Protein backbone atom coordinates (compact mmCIF):
# COMPACT_ATOMS: atom_id res chain seq x y z
CA UNK A 1 -84.13 12.35 -1.17
CA UNK A 2 -84.53 15.49 0.73
CA UNK A 3 -83.12 15.37 4.41
CA UNK A 4 -85.22 16.01 7.24
CA UNK A 5 -84.30 17.56 10.70
CA UNK A 6 -86.81 17.26 13.67
CA UNK A 7 -86.75 18.64 17.04
CA UNK A 8 -89.49 16.74 18.94
CA UNK A 9 -90.98 17.89 21.86
CA UNK A 10 -87.38 18.95 23.32
CA UNK A 11 -86.72 19.47 26.93
CA UNK A 12 -82.91 20.40 27.98
CA UNK A 13 -81.47 22.27 30.98
CA UNK A 14 -78.25 23.03 31.98
CA UNK A 15 -77.01 23.32 35.80
CA UNK A 16 -80.15 22.27 36.49
CA UNK A 17 -82.18 25.37 35.11
CA UNK A 18 -84.24 23.83 32.27
CA UNK A 19 -84.27 26.15 29.02
CA UNK A 20 -85.83 24.30 26.67
CA UNK A 21 -89.17 23.37 27.46
CA UNK A 22 -90.81 21.20 24.96
CA UNK A 23 -89.85 22.81 21.59
CA UNK A 24 -90.74 21.31 18.11
CA UNK A 25 -89.29 22.24 14.84
CA UNK A 26 -89.04 20.64 11.56
CA UNK A 27 -86.64 21.60 8.96
CA UNK A 28 -86.34 20.11 5.47
CA UNK A 29 -83.05 20.53 3.20
CA UNK A 30 -83.86 23.83 0.95
CA UNK A 31 -85.53 25.78 3.12
CA UNK A 32 -84.74 28.88 5.18
CA UNK A 33 -85.93 29.27 8.20
CA UNK A 34 -85.13 31.89 11.30
CA UNK A 35 -86.04 31.72 14.78
CA UNK A 36 -85.98 35.14 16.67
CA UNK A 37 -86.73 36.08 20.37
CA UNK A 38 -85.40 37.77 23.23
CA UNK A 39 -82.57 37.48 25.32
CA UNK A 40 -82.77 34.26 27.55
CA UNK A 41 -85.44 32.65 25.34
CA UNK A 42 -83.70 29.60 24.42
CA UNK A 43 -82.13 30.12 21.00
CA UNK A 44 -78.39 29.41 21.42
CA UNK A 45 -79.43 26.60 23.92
CA UNK A 46 -81.39 25.06 20.77
CA UNK A 47 -78.35 25.35 18.42
CA UNK A 48 -75.86 24.22 20.73
CA UNK A 49 -78.42 21.03 21.78
CA UNK A 50 -78.97 20.10 18.58
CA UNK A 51 -75.19 20.22 17.64
CA UNK A 52 -74.49 18.14 21.00
CA UNK A 53 -72.89 20.49 23.42
CA UNK A 54 -71.87 18.11 26.27
CA UNK A 55 -72.93 21.25 28.58
CA UNK A 56 -76.58 20.45 27.93
CA UNK A 57 -78.43 18.04 29.25
CA UNK A 58 -81.85 16.64 27.58
CA UNK A 59 -84.44 15.40 29.66
CA UNK A 60 -86.94 14.61 27.19
CA UNK A 61 -87.92 14.51 23.32
CA UNK A 62 -85.62 14.00 20.45
CA UNK A 63 -83.56 15.28 17.66
CA UNK A 64 -84.36 12.99 14.53
CA UNK A 65 -82.15 13.26 11.25
CA UNK A 66 -83.19 11.68 8.62
CA UNK A 67 -85.89 9.47 10.45
CA UNK A 68 -82.94 8.31 12.85
CA UNK A 69 -82.07 9.45 16.32
CA UNK A 70 -79.18 11.49 17.09
CA UNK A 71 -79.04 11.85 20.49
CA UNK A 72 -76.41 9.38 21.05
CA UNK A 73 -74.38 10.68 18.73
CA UNK A 74 -71.10 12.62 19.09
CA UNK A 75 -70.85 16.21 18.09
CA UNK A 76 -68.25 15.25 15.22
CA UNK A 77 -70.65 12.42 14.09
CA UNK A 78 -73.38 14.70 13.82
CA UNK A 79 -71.00 17.14 11.78
CA UNK A 80 -70.27 13.79 9.43
CA UNK A 81 -73.91 13.28 9.10
CA UNK A 82 -74.35 17.00 7.36
CA UNK A 83 -74.70 19.32 10.23
CA UNK A 84 -72.94 22.31 10.82
CA UNK A 85 -73.08 25.35 13.07
CA UNK A 86 -71.64 28.83 13.15
CA UNK A 87 -71.14 30.16 16.35
CA UNK A 88 -72.06 33.22 17.94
CA UNK A 89 -68.68 33.69 19.64
CA UNK A 90 -66.27 31.29 17.12
CA UNK A 91 -63.12 30.57 19.13
CA UNK A 92 -59.29 31.50 18.11
CA UNK A 93 -57.10 28.72 17.32
CA UNK A 94 -53.49 29.75 17.60
CA UNK A 95 -51.18 27.80 15.01
CA UNK A 96 -53.85 26.44 12.84
CA UNK A 97 -53.82 28.32 9.37
CA UNK A 98 -57.70 28.57 8.03
CA UNK A 99 -56.97 27.10 4.92
CA UNK A 100 -55.56 23.63 6.73
CA UNK A 101 -58.40 23.73 8.99
CA UNK A 102 -60.95 23.98 6.03
CA UNK A 103 -58.96 21.38 4.10
CA UNK A 104 -58.84 18.82 7.21
CA UNK A 105 -62.79 19.36 7.91
CA UNK A 106 -63.90 18.83 4.02
CA UNK A 107 -62.11 15.88 3.97
CA UNK A 108 -63.54 14.41 7.25
CA UNK A 109 -66.97 15.51 6.31
CA UNK A 110 -67.04 13.91 3.17
CA UNK A 111 -65.45 10.69 4.62
CA UNK A 112 -62.40 11.09 1.97
CA UNK A 113 -59.01 9.10 2.45
CA UNK A 114 -56.07 10.44 1.43
CA UNK A 115 -55.28 9.59 -2.08
CA UNK A 116 -52.08 6.81 -2.50
CA UNK A 117 -51.60 8.12 -5.76
CA UNK A 118 -49.56 11.50 -5.79
CA UNK A 119 -50.97 12.94 -8.92
CA UNK A 120 -54.53 12.41 -7.78
CA UNK A 121 -53.59 14.25 -4.35
CA UNK A 122 -51.90 16.84 -5.91
CA UNK A 123 -55.02 17.31 -8.00
CA UNK A 124 -57.36 17.12 -5.38
CA UNK A 125 -55.68 19.77 -3.26
CA UNK A 126 -55.59 22.00 -6.25
CA UNK A 127 -58.81 21.67 -7.14
CA UNK A 128 -59.80 22.33 -3.16
CA UNK A 129 -57.43 25.89 -3.32
CA UNK A 130 -59.39 26.46 -6.65
CA UNK A 131 -62.78 26.16 -4.61
CA UNK A 132 -61.25 28.26 -1.71
CA UNK A 133 -59.80 30.83 -3.41
CA UNK A 134 -63.48 31.24 -5.31
CA UNK A 135 -65.31 31.49 -1.81
CA UNK A 136 -63.10 33.91 -0.46
CA UNK A 137 -63.19 36.30 -3.27
CA UNK A 138 -67.26 36.23 -2.93
CA UNK A 139 -66.84 36.92 0.47
CA UNK A 140 -64.55 40.13 -0.40
CA UNK A 141 -61.44 38.49 1.77
CA UNK A 142 -57.73 38.65 0.60
CA UNK A 143 -56.34 35.03 -0.32
CA UNK A 144 -53.88 35.69 2.27
CA UNK A 145 -57.14 35.45 4.32
CA UNK A 146 -56.35 31.86 4.27
CA UNK A 147 -53.06 31.62 5.90
CA UNK A 148 -54.09 33.34 8.97
CA UNK A 149 -54.48 31.55 12.21
CA UNK A 150 -58.11 30.63 12.82
CA UNK A 151 -60.04 33.29 13.99
CA UNK A 152 -57.01 34.89 15.68
CA UNK A 153 -56.68 38.64 15.70
CA UNK A 154 -59.89 38.48 13.35
CA UNK A 155 -62.20 41.29 13.91
CA UNK A 156 -65.92 40.56 14.39
CA UNK A 157 -66.86 40.79 10.78
CA UNK A 158 -63.74 38.74 9.74
CA UNK A 159 -64.35 35.90 12.22
CA UNK A 160 -68.32 35.76 10.91
CA UNK A 161 -66.97 35.57 7.40
CA UNK A 162 -64.86 32.85 8.30
CA UNK A 163 -67.86 30.90 9.72
CA UNK A 164 -69.62 31.29 6.38
CA UNK A 165 -66.51 29.94 4.65
CA UNK A 166 -66.66 27.11 6.09
CA UNK A 167 -69.92 26.51 5.30
CA UNK A 168 -69.83 27.61 1.98
CA UNK A 169 -67.04 24.69 1.30
CA UNK A 170 -68.53 21.90 3.43
CA UNK A 171 -71.88 22.44 1.83
CA UNK A 172 -73.47 20.77 4.58
CA UNK A 173 -77.09 19.13 4.82
CA UNK A 174 -78.26 21.66 7.52
CA UNK A 175 -76.46 24.94 8.56
CA UNK A 176 -77.26 26.54 11.96
CA UNK A 177 -76.32 30.52 12.09
CA UNK A 178 -76.34 31.26 15.69
CA UNK A 179 -76.43 35.34 15.55
CA UNK A 180 -74.44 35.54 12.59
CA UNK A 181 -75.23 39.32 12.20
CA UNK A 182 -73.64 40.13 15.61
CA UNK A 183 -70.62 42.31 15.76
CA UNK A 184 -70.83 43.37 12.25
CA UNK A 185 -71.18 46.66 10.44
CA UNK A 186 -73.55 47.29 7.52
CA UNK A 187 -70.69 46.49 4.66
CA UNK A 188 -69.84 42.99 6.42
CA UNK A 189 -73.56 42.12 6.76
CA UNK A 190 -74.52 42.70 3.07
CA UNK A 191 -71.56 40.04 2.43
CA UNK A 192 -72.26 37.88 5.19
CA UNK A 193 -75.73 37.70 3.59
CA UNK A 194 -74.49 36.82 0.01
CA UNK A 195 -72.87 34.08 1.80
CA UNK A 196 -75.64 32.97 3.40
CA UNK A 197 -77.95 33.29 -0.01
CA UNK A 198 -75.12 31.18 -2.01
CA UNK A 199 -75.42 28.20 0.77
CA UNK A 200 -78.80 28.04 0.17
CA UNK A 201 -78.72 28.10 -3.62
CA UNK A 202 -75.57 26.49 -4.53
CA UNK A 203 -75.94 23.53 -1.77
CA UNK A 204 -79.87 23.59 -0.91
CA UNK A 205 -78.97 22.98 2.66
CA UNK A 206 -81.56 23.81 5.05
CA UNK A 207 -80.89 26.70 7.08
CA UNK A 208 -81.30 28.30 10.63
CA UNK A 209 -80.85 31.90 11.03
CA UNK A 210 -81.06 32.61 14.92
CA UNK A 211 -81.16 36.15 15.35
CA UNK A 212 -82.63 39.05 17.58
CA UNK A 213 -83.25 41.21 15.00
CA UNK A 214 -84.49 41.66 11.54
CA UNK A 215 -81.66 43.57 9.85
CA UNK A 216 -80.22 40.27 8.72
CA UNK A 217 -83.72 39.02 7.20
CA UNK A 218 -83.64 42.10 5.12
CA UNK A 219 -81.30 40.41 2.66
CA UNK A 220 -82.14 37.01 3.57
CA UNK A 221 -85.58 36.22 3.16
CA UNK A 222 -86.43 33.07 5.22
CA UNK A 223 -89.51 31.31 4.01
CA UNK A 224 -90.53 30.61 7.91
CA UNK A 225 -90.22 32.83 10.99
CA UNK A 226 -90.76 31.51 14.01
CA UNK A 227 -90.81 33.23 17.62
CA UNK A 228 -88.73 30.98 20.79
CA UNK A 229 -90.36 32.46 23.82
CA UNK A 230 -89.73 30.83 26.77
CA UNK A 231 -87.86 27.66 25.70
CA UNK A 232 -90.93 27.32 23.16
CA UNK A 233 -91.48 28.18 19.96
CA UNK A 234 -95.17 30.01 20.39
CA UNK A 235 -95.73 31.42 16.49
CA UNK A 236 -94.63 30.37 13.21
CA UNK A 237 -95.63 32.68 10.21
CA UNK A 238 -93.59 34.13 6.95
CA UNK A 239 -91.18 36.68 6.50
CA UNK A 240 -94.23 39.22 7.46
CA UNK A 241 -93.88 37.95 10.94
CA UNK A 242 -90.15 39.44 11.14
CA UNK A 243 -91.54 42.74 10.08
CA UNK A 244 -94.14 42.83 12.74
CA UNK A 245 -91.76 42.33 15.79
CA UNK A 246 -89.20 45.02 14.18
CA UNK A 247 -92.66 47.35 14.57
CA UNK A 248 -93.82 45.76 18.15
CA UNK A 249 -91.07 44.16 19.73
CA UNK A 250 -91.57 41.02 21.75
CA UNK A 251 -94.04 42.02 24.19
CA UNK A 252 -97.10 40.27 23.08
CA UNK A 253 -95.42 37.24 22.44
CA UNK A 254 -94.26 37.47 26.31
CA UNK A 255 -97.47 38.14 27.54
CA UNK A 256 -99.08 35.36 25.79
CA UNK A 257 -96.37 32.76 27.07
CA UNK A 258 -96.74 34.00 30.92
CA UNK A 259 -100.86 33.76 30.46
CA UNK A 260 -100.03 30.17 28.79
CA UNK A 261 -97.45 29.10 31.61
């Protein structure tokens, strides 16, 4: 069965200020979506609200995963049900090697328990390390990358590769990628784009890319592009909409939002 993530008439605020104003969005597993919009339109707020960030208050509407509301679910419960978010500004965690973090996250996401049989456990660890090595090679990072503390001392591009590596390992039902293109150079962007395409092709995840610019979409071709302005999706089309935005900017959508306000 194909999983479906639905955002219905969602209104959300932070510190008394309404950011999302009746937003609607449906993503099916195996679809690749992109949300574009100017600063302050609500893109990152949408990502955080879907993942259950506690600082945002949902005033009305719903978030439905496979026919069930997840509004009352905690962030870790949503992750175990197949939601994943790559952060715009990944947090540094000292003392926690990336490989250990990924192993723990993988077992939690897959609801695995420790094997009592030592041989089975060794085999499981060995298989995990093999998979991790393959994914790191694909992202063109050294094997020592897995021994570094989570995001500590990493460049912007390395942090984004770390986030994509997590998605490659976890293979979520839905991956929300919040400005994965920010803070990266051209070479890193190409590698990260390849990683996103691999998440899409190998795990058949539903992917939502949140971005200001079109450059990442030259390498990752979404089937659906949405324009988010003033807390609402004001237009949805195919990839050509991203090209239109690159040429003309957001002014026409901003003007339309003002008229309809």
